[in-house]
């Protein structure tokens, strides 16, 4: 069986993603966009589930270690799937899982 360079790059990216390394390293071994946003959405979902209460985007970023822009991308992913609810909380918005 012969593995092409492109196939090996995707295999390496998936292994590195599984080891939970940062995106800067994965830049050299590109993932599909849906994989990148999906991984971040999983981290945000877990943070919201573990918290058991609504969180702001900043709180989610602190709990997950993601950049705020990546948090909003993940929230968009989860919102499109109908898994979160946006709650107004004064000037801020909080997010919670829909159970």
Protein backbone atom coordinates (compact mmCIF):
# COMPACT_ATOMS: atom_id res chain seq x y z
CA UNK A 1 0.00 0.00 0.00
CA UNK A 2 1.40 3.38 -1.01
CA UNK A 3 0.45 6.50 0.94
CA UNK A 4 0.62 9.78 -0.93
CA UNK A 5 2.00 12.96 0.63
CA UNK A 6 -1.48 14.49 0.93
CA UNK A 7 -2.82 11.43 2.73
CA UNK A 8 0.11 11.43 5.13
CA UNK A 9 -0.44 15.13 5.93
CA UNK A 10 -4.07 14.46 6.90
CA UNK A 11 -3.06 11.44 9.00
CA UNK A 12 -0.45 13.51 10.84
CA UNK A 13 -2.97 16.33 11.38
CA UNK A 14 -5.50 13.96 12.87
CA UNK A 15 -2.89 12.39 15.17
CA UNK A 16 -1.72 15.82 16.33
CA UNK A 17 -5.32 16.96 16.86
CA UNK A 18 -5.92 13.87 18.97
CA UNK A 19 -2.90 14.81 21.08
CA UNK A 20 -4.55 18.22 21.58
CA UNK A 21 -1.64 20.32 20.26
CA UNK A 22 -2.20 23.93 19.33
CA UNK A 23 -3.32 25.24 15.94
CA UNK A 24 0.02 26.92 15.17
CA UNK A 25 1.62 23.51 14.76
CA UNK A 26 -1.33 22.21 12.76
CA UNK A 27 -1.00 25.14 10.34
CA UNK A 28 1.77 23.18 8.66
CA UNK A 29 -0.47 20.10 8.46
CA UNK A 30 -3.79 21.63 7.42
CA UNK A 31 -7.10 20.23 8.60
CA UNK A 32 -10.36 20.60 6.81
CA UNK A 33 -12.25 23.68 8.08
CA UNK A 34 -15.08 21.55 9.43
CA UNK A 35 -12.57 19.52 11.47
CA UNK A 36 -11.01 22.67 12.93
CA UNK A 37 -14.33 24.26 13.91
CA UNK A 38 -15.72 20.92 15.03
CA UNK A 39 -12.84 20.33 17.45
CA UNK A 40 -13.28 23.81 18.93
CA UNK A 41 -17.05 23.31 19.16
CA UNK A 42 -16.41 20.14 21.15
CA UNK A 43 -14.20 22.03 23.59
CA UNK A 44 -16.82 24.77 24.03
CA UNK A 45 -19.62 22.21 24.44
CA UNK A 46 -17.61 20.42 27.15
CA UNK A 47 -16.90 23.70 28.97
CA UNK A 48 -20.60 24.61 28.96
CA UNK A 49 -21.60 21.12 30.09
CA UNK A 50 -19.04 21.08 32.93
CA UNK A 51 -20.06 24.56 34.11
CA UNK A 52 -23.73 23.66 34.36
CA UNK A 53 -24.68 27.33 34.03
CA UNK A 54 -24.64 29.98 31.30
CA UNK A 55 -21.21 31.42 30.51
CA UNK A 56 -20.00 34.49 28.63
CA UNK A 57 -17.67 34.14 25.67
CA UNK A 58 -14.75 35.39 27.81
CA UNK A 59 -15.47 32.77 30.47
CA UNK A 60 -15.61 30.07 27.81
CA UNK A 61 -12.29 31.27 26.37
CA UNK A 62 -10.70 31.12 29.82
CA UNK A 63 -11.99 27.60 30.50
CA UNK A 64 -11.04 26.19 27.09
CA UNK A 65 -7.81 28.08 26.39
CA UNK A 66 -9.16 29.12 22.97
CA UNK A 67 -8.84 32.58 21.44
CA UNK A 68 -12.04 34.61 21.63
CA UNK A 69 -12.41 34.47 17.82
CA UNK A 70 -12.22 30.67 17.94
CA UNK A 71 -14.82 30.64 20.72
CA UNK A 72 -17.23 32.64 18.57
CA UNK A 73 -16.60 30.31 15.63
CA UNK A 74 -17.37 27.32 17.84
CA UNK A 75 -20.48 29.02 19.24
CA UNK A 76 -21.65 29.64 15.68
CA UNK A 77 -21.14 25.96 14.91
CA UNK A 78 -23.09 24.90 18.00
CA UNK A 79 -25.81 27.48 17.29
CA UNK A 80 -26.24 26.20 13.74
CA UNK A 81 -26.67 22.69 15.14
CA UNK A 82 -29.27 23.97 17.62
CA UNK A 83 -27.25 22.94 20.67
CA UNK A 84 -26.94 26.29 22.46
CA UNK A 85 -29.18 29.11 23.54
CA UNK A 86 -28.16 32.78 23.72
CA UNK A 87 -29.38 34.60 26.84
CA UNK A 88 -29.24 38.38 27.26
CA UNK A 89 -27.59 39.31 30.55
CA UNK A 90 -27.46 43.10 30.79
CA UNK A 91 -24.96 44.34 28.21
CA UNK A 92 -23.40 40.89 27.90
CA UNK A 93 -24.70 37.74 26.30
CA UNK A 94 -24.37 34.36 27.93
CA UNK A 95 -24.57 30.97 26.32
CA UNK A 96 -25.95 27.69 27.64
CA UNK A 97 -26.55 24.23 26.29
CA UNK A 98 -30.02 23.20 25.25
CA UNK A 99 -30.72 19.96 27.06
